[in-house]
Structures are given as C-alpha cells and as structure tokens.
All heavy atoms as atom14 arrays in JSON, in Angstrom:
{
  "sequence": "LQKGSLDEKIFRYYLIQDDYYLKHFSRLYQLVGD",
  "atom14_mask": [
    [1, 1, 1, 1, 1, 1, 1, 1, 0, 0, 0, 0, 0, 0],
    [1, 1, 1, 1, 1, 1, 1, 1, 1, 0, 0, 0, 0, 0],
    [1, 1, 1, 1, 1, 1, 1, 1, 1, 0, 0, 0, 0, 0],
    [1, 1, 1, 1, 0, 0, 0, 0, 0, 0, 0, 0, 0, 0],
    [1, 1, 1, 1, 1, 1, 0, 0, 0, 0, 0, 0, 0, 0],
    [1, 1, 1, 1, 1, 1, 1, 1, 0, 0, 0, 0, 0, 0],
    [1, 1, 1, 1, 1, 1, 1, 1, 0, 0, 0, 0, 0, 0],
    [1, 1, 1, 1, 1, 1, 1, 1, 1, 0, 0, 0, 0, 0],
    [1, 1, 1, 1, 1, 1, 1, 1, 1, 0, 0, 0, 0, 0],
    [1, 1, 1, 1, 1, 1, 1, 1, 0, 0, 0, 0, 0, 0],
    [1, 1, 1, 1, 1, 1, 1, 1, 1, 1, 1, 0, 0, 0],
    [1, 1, 1, 1, 1, 1, 1, 1, 1, 1, 1, 0, 0, 0],
    [1, 1, 1, 1, 1, 1, 1, 1, 1, 1, 1, 1, 0, 0],
    [1, 1, 1, 1, 1, 1, 1, 1, 1, 1, 1, 1, 0, 0],
    [1, 1, 1, 1, 1, 1, 1, 1, 0, 0, 0, 0, 0, 0],
    [1, 1, 1, 1, 1, 1, 1, 1, 0, 0, 0, 0, 0, 0],
    [1, 1, 1, 1, 1, 1, 1, 1, 1, 0, 0, 0, 0, 0],
    [1, 1, 1, 1, 1, 1, 1, 1, 0, 0, 0, 0, 0, 0],
    [1, 1, 1, 1, 1, 1, 1, 1, 0, 0, 0, 0, 0, 0],
    [1, 1, 1, 1, 1, 1, 1, 1, 1, 1, 1, 1, 0, 0],
    [1, 1, 1, 1, 1, 1, 1, 1, 1, 1, 1, 1, 0, 0],
    [1, 1, 1, 1, 1, 1, 1, 1, 0, 0, 0, 0, 0, 0],
    [1, 1, 1, 1, 1, 1, 1, 1, 1, 0, 0, 0, 0, 0],
    [1, 1, 1, 1, 1, 1, 1, 1, 1, 1, 0, 0, 0, 0],
    [1, 1, 1, 1, 1, 1, 1, 1, 1, 1, 1, 0, 0, 0],
    [1, 1, 1, 1, 1, 1, 0, 0, 0, 0, 0, 0, 0, 0],
    [1, 1, 1, 1, 1, 1, 1, 1, 1, 1, 1, 0, 0, 0],
    [1, 1, 1, 1, 1, 1, 1, 1, 0, 0, 0, 0, 0, 0],
    [1, 1, 1, 1, 1, 1, 1, 1, 1, 1, 1, 1, 0, 0],
    [1, 1, 1, 1, 1, 1, 1, 1, 1, 0, 0, 0, 0, 0],
    [1, 1, 1, 1, 1, 1, 1, 1, 0, 0, 0, 0, 0, 0],
    [1, 1, 1, 1, 1, 1, 1, 0, 0, 0, 0, 0, 0, 0],
    [1, 1, 1, 1, 0, 0, 0, 0, 0, 0, 0, 0, 0, 0],
    [1, 1, 1, 1, 1, 1, 1, 1, 0, 0, 0, 0, 0, 0]
  ],
  "atom14_positions": [
    [[-3.68, 13.91, -6.0], [-4.2, 12.7, -6.63], [-5.57, 12.98, -7.24], [-5.85, 12.58, -8.38], [-4.27, 11.56, -5.61], [-4.74, 10.21, -6.11], [-3.98, 9.08, -5.41], [-6.24, 10.0, -5.9], [0.0, 0.0, 0.0], [0.0, 0.0, 0.0], [0.0, 0.0, 0.0], [0.0, 0.0, 0.0], [0.0, 0.0, 0.0], [0.0, 0.0, 0.0]],
    [[-6.42, 13.67, -6.5], [-7.75, 13.98, -7.02], [-7.68, 14.93, -8.22], [-8.4, 14.75, -9.2], [-8.62, 14.6, -5.93], [-10.05, 14.88, -6.41], [-10.99, 15.23, -5.28], [-10.6, 15.9, -4.33], [-12.22, 14.78, -5.37], [0.0, 0.0, 0.0], [0.0, 0.0, 0.0], [0.0, 0.0, 0.0], [0.0, 0.0, 0.0], [0.0, 0.0, 0.0]],
    [[-6.79, 15.9, -8.15], [-6.65, 16.86, -9.25], [-5.99, 16.24, -10.48], [-6.1, 16.76, -11.59], [-5.83, 18.06, -8.8], [-6.51, 18.93, -7.76], [-5.58, 20.07, -7.33], [-6.23, 20.94, -6.26], [-5.3, 22.0, -5.78], [0.0, 0.0, 0.0], [0.0, 0.0, 0.0], [0.0, 0.0, 0.0], [0.0, 0.0, 0.0], [0.0, 0.0, 0.0]],
    [[-5.3, 15.12, -10.26], [-4.59, 14.47, -11.35], [-3.18, 14.99, -11.53], [-2.5, 14.63, -12.49], [0.0, 0.0, 0.0], [0.0, 0.0, 0.0], [0.0, 0.0, 0.0], [0.0, 0.0, 0.0], [0.0, 0.0, 0.0], [0.0, 0.0, 0.0], [0.0, 0.0, 0.0], [0.0, 0.0, 0.0], [0.0, 0.0, 0.0], [0.0, 0.0, 0.0]],
    [[-2.71, 15.82, -10.6], [-1.4, 16.44, -10.72], [-0.33, 15.75, -9.88], [0.82, 16.19, -9.87], [-1.48, 17.92, -10.32], [-1.92, 18.07, -8.98], [0.0, 0.0, 0.0], [0.0, 0.0, 0.0], [0.0, 0.0, 0.0], [0.0, 0.0, 0.0], [0.0, 0.0, 0.0], [0.0, 0.0, 0.0], [0.0, 0.0, 0.0], [0.0, 0.0, 0.0]],
    [[-0.7, 14.68, -9.17], [0.28, 13.99, -8.34], [1.38, 13.4, -9.2], [1.11, 12.69, -10.18], [-0.4, 12.88, -7.53], [0.5, 12.12, -6.56], [0.96, 13.02, -5.42], [-0.21, 10.89, -6.01], [0.0, 0.0, 0.0], [0.0, 0.0, 0.0], [0.0, 0.0, 0.0], [0.0, 0.0, 0.0], [0.0, 0.0, 0.0], [0.0, 0.0, 0.0]],
    [[2.63, 13.7, -8.87], [3.78, 13.17, -9.59], [3.72, 11.64, -9.59], [3.58, 11.03, -8.53], [5.06, 13.66, -8.91], [6.32, 13.36, -9.72], [6.35, 12.34, -10.45], [7.28, 14.13, -9.6], [0.0, 0.0, 0.0], [0.0, 0.0, 0.0], [0.0, 0.0, 0.0], [0.0, 0.0, 0.0], [0.0, 0.0, 0.0], [0.0, 0.0, 0.0]],
    [[3.85, 11.06, -10.75], [3.77, 9.6, -10.86], [4.85, 8.92, -10.03], [4.64, 7.82, -9.5], [3.91, 9.18, -12.32], [3.73, 7.69, -12.54], [3.9, 7.28, -14.0], [3.03, 7.66, -14.81], [4.91, 6.61, -14.29], [0.0, 0.0, 0.0], [0.0, 0.0, 0.0], [0.0, 0.0, 0.0], [0.0, 0.0, 0.0], [0.0, 0.0, 0.0]],
    [[6.0, 9.57, -9.88], [7.08, 8.98, -9.08], [6.64, 8.83, -7.63], [7.01, 7.86, -6.96], [8.34, 9.85, -9.17], [8.99, 9.87, -10.55], [10.22, 10.76, -10.53], [10.87, 10.81, -11.92], [12.05, 11.73, -11.93], [0.0, 0.0, 0.0], [0.0, 0.0, 0.0], [0.0, 0.0, 0.0], [0.0, 0.0, 0.0], [0.0, 0.0, 0.0]],
    [[5.88, 9.79, -7.14], [5.37, 9.71, -5.77], [4.4, 8.55, -5.64], [4.45, 7.77, -4.68], [4.68, 11.03, -5.36], [5.7, 12.17, -5.3], [3.94, 10.88, -4.03], [5.1, 13.52, -5.02], [0.0, 0.0, 0.0], [0.0, 0.0, 0.0], [0.0, 0.0, 0.0], [0.0, 0.0, 0.0], [0.0, 0.0, 0.0], [0.0, 0.0, 0.0]],
    [[3.52, 8.4, -6.63], [2.53, 7.32, -6.59], [3.23, 5.97, -6.68], [2.84, 5.02, -6.0], [1.54, 7.49, -7.73], [0.33, 6.6, -7.63], [-0.55, 6.71, -6.56], [0.05, 5.65, -8.61], [-1.67, 5.9, -6.45], [-1.06, 4.83, -8.52], [-1.93, 4.95, -7.43], [0.0, 0.0, 0.0], [0.0, 0.0, 0.0], [0.0, 0.0, 0.0]],
    [[4.27, 5.88, -7.5], [5.04, 4.63, -7.62], [5.67, 4.27, -6.27], [5.63, 3.11, -5.85], [6.13, 4.77, -8.69], [5.6, 4.82, -10.11], [6.73, 5.22, -11.06], [7.78, 4.23, -11.07], [7.87, 3.23, -11.93], [6.94, 3.08, -12.87], [8.86, 2.37, -11.89], [0.0, 0.0, 0.0], [0.0, 0.0, 0.0], [0.0, 0.0, 0.0]],
    [[6.25, 5.27, -5.6], [6.88, 5.01, -4.31], [5.84, 4.56, -3.29], [6.08, 3.63, -2.52], [7.59, 6.27, -3.82], [8.46, 6.06, -2.61], [9.66, 5.36, -2.7], [8.1, 6.57, -1.36], [10.46, 5.16, -1.58], [8.9, 6.37, -0.24], [10.08, 5.66, -0.36], [10.87, 5.46, 0.76], [0.0, 0.0, 0.0], [0.0, 0.0, 0.0]],
    [[4.69, 5.22, -3.33], [3.59, 4.83, -2.45], [3.18, 3.38, -2.7], [3.0, 2.61, -1.76], [2.4, 5.77, -2.69], [1.07, 5.21, -2.25], [0.67, 5.24, -0.92], [0.2, 4.63, -3.19], [-0.56, 4.72, -0.52], [-1.02, 4.11, -2.8], [-1.39, 4.16, -1.47], [-2.6, 3.63, -1.09], [0.0, 0.0, 0.0], [0.0, 0.0, 0.0]],
    [[3.03, 2.99, -3.96], [2.58, 1.65, -4.29], [3.57, 0.59, -3.8], [3.17, -0.47, -3.29], [2.39, 1.51, -5.8], [1.18, 2.22, -6.41], [1.21, 2.09, -7.93], [-0.13, 1.67, -5.86], [0.0, 0.0, 0.0], [0.0, 0.0, 0.0], [0.0, 0.0, 0.0], [0.0, 0.0, 0.0], [0.0, 0.0, 0.0], [0.0, 0.0, 0.0]],
    [[4.86, 0.87, -3.95], [5.87, -0.11, -3.53], [5.85, -0.27, -2.01], [5.89, -1.39, -1.5], [7.27, 0.32, -4.02], [7.33, 0.22, -5.55], [8.36, -0.54, -3.38], [8.58, 0.84, -6.16], [0.0, 0.0, 0.0], [0.0, 0.0, 0.0], [0.0, 0.0, 0.0], [0.0, 0.0, 0.0], [0.0, 0.0, 0.0], [0.0, 0.0, 0.0]],
    [[5.77, 0.85, -1.3], [5.7, 0.78, 0.16], [4.4, 0.12, 0.62], [4.37, -0.66, 1.57], [5.83, 2.18, 0.78], [7.15, 2.87, 0.49], [8.35, 2.15, 1.1], [8.25, 1.53, 2.16], [9.48, 2.22, 0.42], [0.0, 0.0, 0.0], [0.0, 0.0, 0.0], [0.0, 0.0, 0.0], [0.0, 0.0, 0.0], [0.0, 0.0, 0.0]],
    [[3.32, 0.43, -0.09], [2.02, -0.14, 0.27], [1.96, -1.63, -0.03], [1.24, -2.38, 0.63], [0.92, 0.6, -0.49], [-0.45, 0.42, 0.16], [-0.54, 0.52, 1.4], [-1.44, 0.21, -0.58], [0.0, 0.0, 0.0], [0.0, 0.0, 0.0], [0.0, 0.0, 0.0], [0.0, 0.0, 0.0], [0.0, 0.0, 0.0], [0.0, 0.0, 0.0]],
    [[2.72, -2.07, -1.02], [2.78, -3.5, -1.33], [3.37, -4.26, -0.13], [2.85, -5.32, 0.26], [3.65, -3.72, -2.57], [3.72, -5.17, -2.99], [2.66, -5.78, -3.22], [4.84, -5.71, -3.09], [0.0, 0.0, 0.0], [0.0, 0.0, 0.0], [0.0, 0.0, 0.0], [0.0, 0.0, 0.0], [0.0, 0.0, 0.0], [0.0, 0.0, 0.0]],
    [[4.43, -3.72, 0.43], [5.01, -4.31, 1.65], [3.97, -4.33, 2.76], [3.78, -5.36, 3.44], [6.23, -3.49, 2.07], [6.69, -3.74, 3.49], [7.53, -4.81, 3.8], [6.31, -2.89, 4.53], [7.96, -5.04, 5.1], [6.74, -3.11, 5.84], [7.56, -4.18, 6.12], [7.97, -4.4, 7.41], [0.0, 0.0, 0.0], [0.0, 0.0, 0.0]],
    [[3.29, -3.21, 2.94], [2.29, -3.1, 4.0], [1.16, -4.1, 3.81], [0.77, -4.82, 4.74], [1.73, -1.68, 4.03], [0.55, -1.5, 4.94], [0.72, -1.23, 6.3], [-0.75, -1.65, 4.47], [-0.36, -1.09, 7.15], [-1.84, -1.52, 5.31], [-1.64, -1.24, 6.65], [-2.72, -1.13, 7.49], [0.0, 0.0, 0.0], [0.0, 0.0, 0.0]],
    [[0.61, -4.17, 2.6], [-0.56, -5.02, 2.35], [-0.24, -6.5, 2.51], [-1.08, -7.28, 2.95], [-1.13, -4.75, 0.96], [-1.85, -3.4, 0.79], [-2.26, -3.2, -0.67], [-3.06, -3.31, 1.7], [0.0, 0.0, 0.0], [0.0, 0.0, 0.0], [0.0, 0.0, 0.0], [0.0, 0.0, 0.0], [0.0, 0.0, 0.0], [0.0, 0.0, 0.0]],
    [[0.95, -6.9, 2.14], [1.33, -8.31, 2.31], [1.29, -8.69, 3.78], [0.81, -9.76, 4.16], [2.72, -8.55, 1.71], [2.74, -8.57, 0.19], [4.16, -8.7, -0.35], [4.15, -8.73, -1.88], [5.53, -8.75, -2.43], [0.0, 0.0, 0.0], [0.0, 0.0, 0.0], [0.0, 0.0, 0.0], [0.0, 0.0, 0.0], [0.0, 0.0, 0.0]],
    [[1.8, -7.81, 4.62], [1.77, -8.07, 6.06], [0.37, -7.9, 6.63], [-0.04, -8.65, 7.52], [2.76, -7.16, 6.78], [4.18, -7.56, 6.62], [4.74, -8.59, 7.32], [5.16, -7.09, 5.8], [6.01, -8.75, 6.97], [6.29, -7.85, 6.05], [0.0, 0.0, 0.0], [0.0, 0.0, 0.0], [0.0, 0.0, 0.0], [0.0, 0.0, 0.0]],
    [[-0.36, -6.93, 6.1], [-1.71, -6.67, 6.59], [-2.62, -7.87, 6.34], [-3.4, -8.27, 7.21], [-2.27, -5.43, 5.9], [-3.49, -4.85, 6.55], [-3.44, -4.38, 7.86], [-4.68, -4.73, 5.86], [-4.55, -3.83, 8.47], [-5.8, -4.19, 6.46], [-5.74, -3.73, 7.77], [0.0, 0.0, 0.0], [0.0, 0.0, 0.0], [0.0, 0.0, 0.0]],
    [[-2.48, -8.48, 5.18], [-3.25, -9.67, 4.87], [-2.9, -10.81, 5.83], [-3.78, -11.52, 6.33], [-2.98, -10.1, 3.42], [-3.65, -11.3, 3.11], [0.0, 0.0, 0.0], [0.0, 0.0, 0.0], [0.0, 0.0, 0.0], [0.0, 0.0, 0.0], [0.0, 0.0, 0.0], [0.0, 0.0, 0.0], [0.0, 0.0, 0.0], [0.0, 0.0, 0.0]],
    [[-1.61, -10.95, 6.1], [-1.16, -11.98, 7.04], [-1.67, -11.7, 8.44], [-2.05, -12.62, 9.19], [0.37, -12.06, 7.02], [0.95, -13.17, 7.89], [2.42, -13.39, 7.58], [2.97, -14.46, 8.4], [3.67, -14.27, 9.51], [3.9, -13.04, 9.93], [4.14, -15.29, 10.19], [0.0, 0.0, 0.0], [0.0, 0.0, 0.0], [0.0, 0.0, 0.0]],
    [[-1.7, -10.44, 8.83], [-2.18, -10.07, 10.15], [-3.66, -10.37, 10.33], [-4.08, -10.82, 11.4], [-1.9, -8.58, 10.42], [-0.47, -8.27, 10.86], [-0.11, -6.82, 10.56], [-0.3, -8.57, 12.35], [0.0, 0.0, 0.0], [0.0, 0.0, 0.0], [0.0, 0.0, 0.0], [0.0, 0.0, 0.0], [0.0, 0.0, 0.0], [0.0, 0.0, 0.0]],
    [[-4.45, -10.15, 9.3], [-5.86, -10.53, 9.37], [-5.98, -12.01, 9.71], [-6.78, -12.42, 10.56], [-6.55, -10.27, 8.03], [-7.17, -8.91, 7.86], [-7.1, -8.25, 6.64], [-7.89, -8.29, 8.89], [-7.69, -7.0, 6.46], [-8.48, -7.06, 8.72], [-8.39, -6.42, 7.5], [-8.97, -5.19, 7.33], [0.0, 0.0, 0.0], [0.0, 0.0, 0.0]],
    [[-5.16, -12.82, 9.04], [-5.2, -14.26, 9.26], [-4.74, -14.62, 10.67], [-5.38, -15.42, 11.37], [-4.29, -14.95, 8.23], [-4.33, -16.47, 8.26], [-5.62, -17.04, 7.73], [-6.18, -16.52, 6.77], [-6.12, -18.1, 8.34], [0.0, 0.0, 0.0], [0.0, 0.0, 0.0], [0.0, 0.0, 0.0], [0.0, 0.0, 0.0], [0.0, 0.0, 0.0]],
    [[-3.65, -14.0, 11.12], [-3.09, -14.33, 12.43], [-3.97, -13.87, 13.58], [-4.12, -14.57, 14.58], [-1.69, -13.71, 12.56], [-0.61, -14.3, 11.65], [0.68, -13.49, 11.76], [-0.35, -15.76, 11.99], [0.0, 0.0, 0.0], [0.0, 0.0, 0.0], [0.0, 0.0, 0.0], [0.0, 0.0, 0.0], [0.0, 0.0, 0.0], [0.0, 0.0, 0.0]],
    [[-4.55, -12.68, 13.44], [-5.45, -12.21, 14.49], [-6.71, -13.07, 14.51], [-7.26, -13.38, 15.57], [-5.8, -10.72, 14.3], [-6.79, -10.25, 15.38], [-4.54, -9.86, 14.36], [0.0, 0.0, 0.0], [0.0, 0.0, 0.0], [0.0, 0.0, 0.0], [0.0, 0.0, 0.0], [0.0, 0.0, 0.0], [0.0, 0.0, 0.0], [0.0, 0.0, 0.0]],
    [[-7.15, -13.5, 13.32], [-8.28, -14.42, 13.24], [-7.98, -15.72, 13.96], [-8.83, -16.27, 14.67], [0.0, 0.0, 0.0], [0.0, 0.0, 0.0], [0.0, 0.0, 0.0], [0.0, 0.0, 0.0], [0.0, 0.0, 0.0], [0.0, 0.0, 0.0], [0.0, 0.0, 0.0], [0.0, 0.0, 0.0], [0.0, 0.0, 0.0], [0.0, 0.0, 0.0]],
    [[-6.76, -16.22, 13.78], [-6.35, -17.45, 14.47], [-6.43, -17.29, 15.98], [-6.74, -18.24, 16.7], [-4.91, -17.82, 14.08], [-4.79, -18.26, 12.63], [-5.82, -18.57, 12.0], [-3.64, -18.29, 12.13], [0.0, 0.0, 0.0], [0.0, 0.0, 0.0], [0.0, 0.0, 0.0], [0.0, 0.0, 0.0], [0.0, 0.0, 0.0], [0.0, 0.0, 0.0]]
  ]
}
C-alpha cells in the first residue's frame, strides 16, 4: 500500500470487509457507552 503496488482488488476486498466491521464498530461504541 505504501509503495503503491497493492493490487486494487485486494484493497476493494479490504474495504468491503471493513465496511461490515465499521458499521458494527460504530454500534459497539454506542452500546458500550450505554
């Protein structure tokens, strides 16, 4: 990623999986706060 040589397909897969993670992570911040 730093070199700029990371295959875009890998980054796309990461983003999709991270989208799932972040949606729950945001909810967890709220729930643990509660």
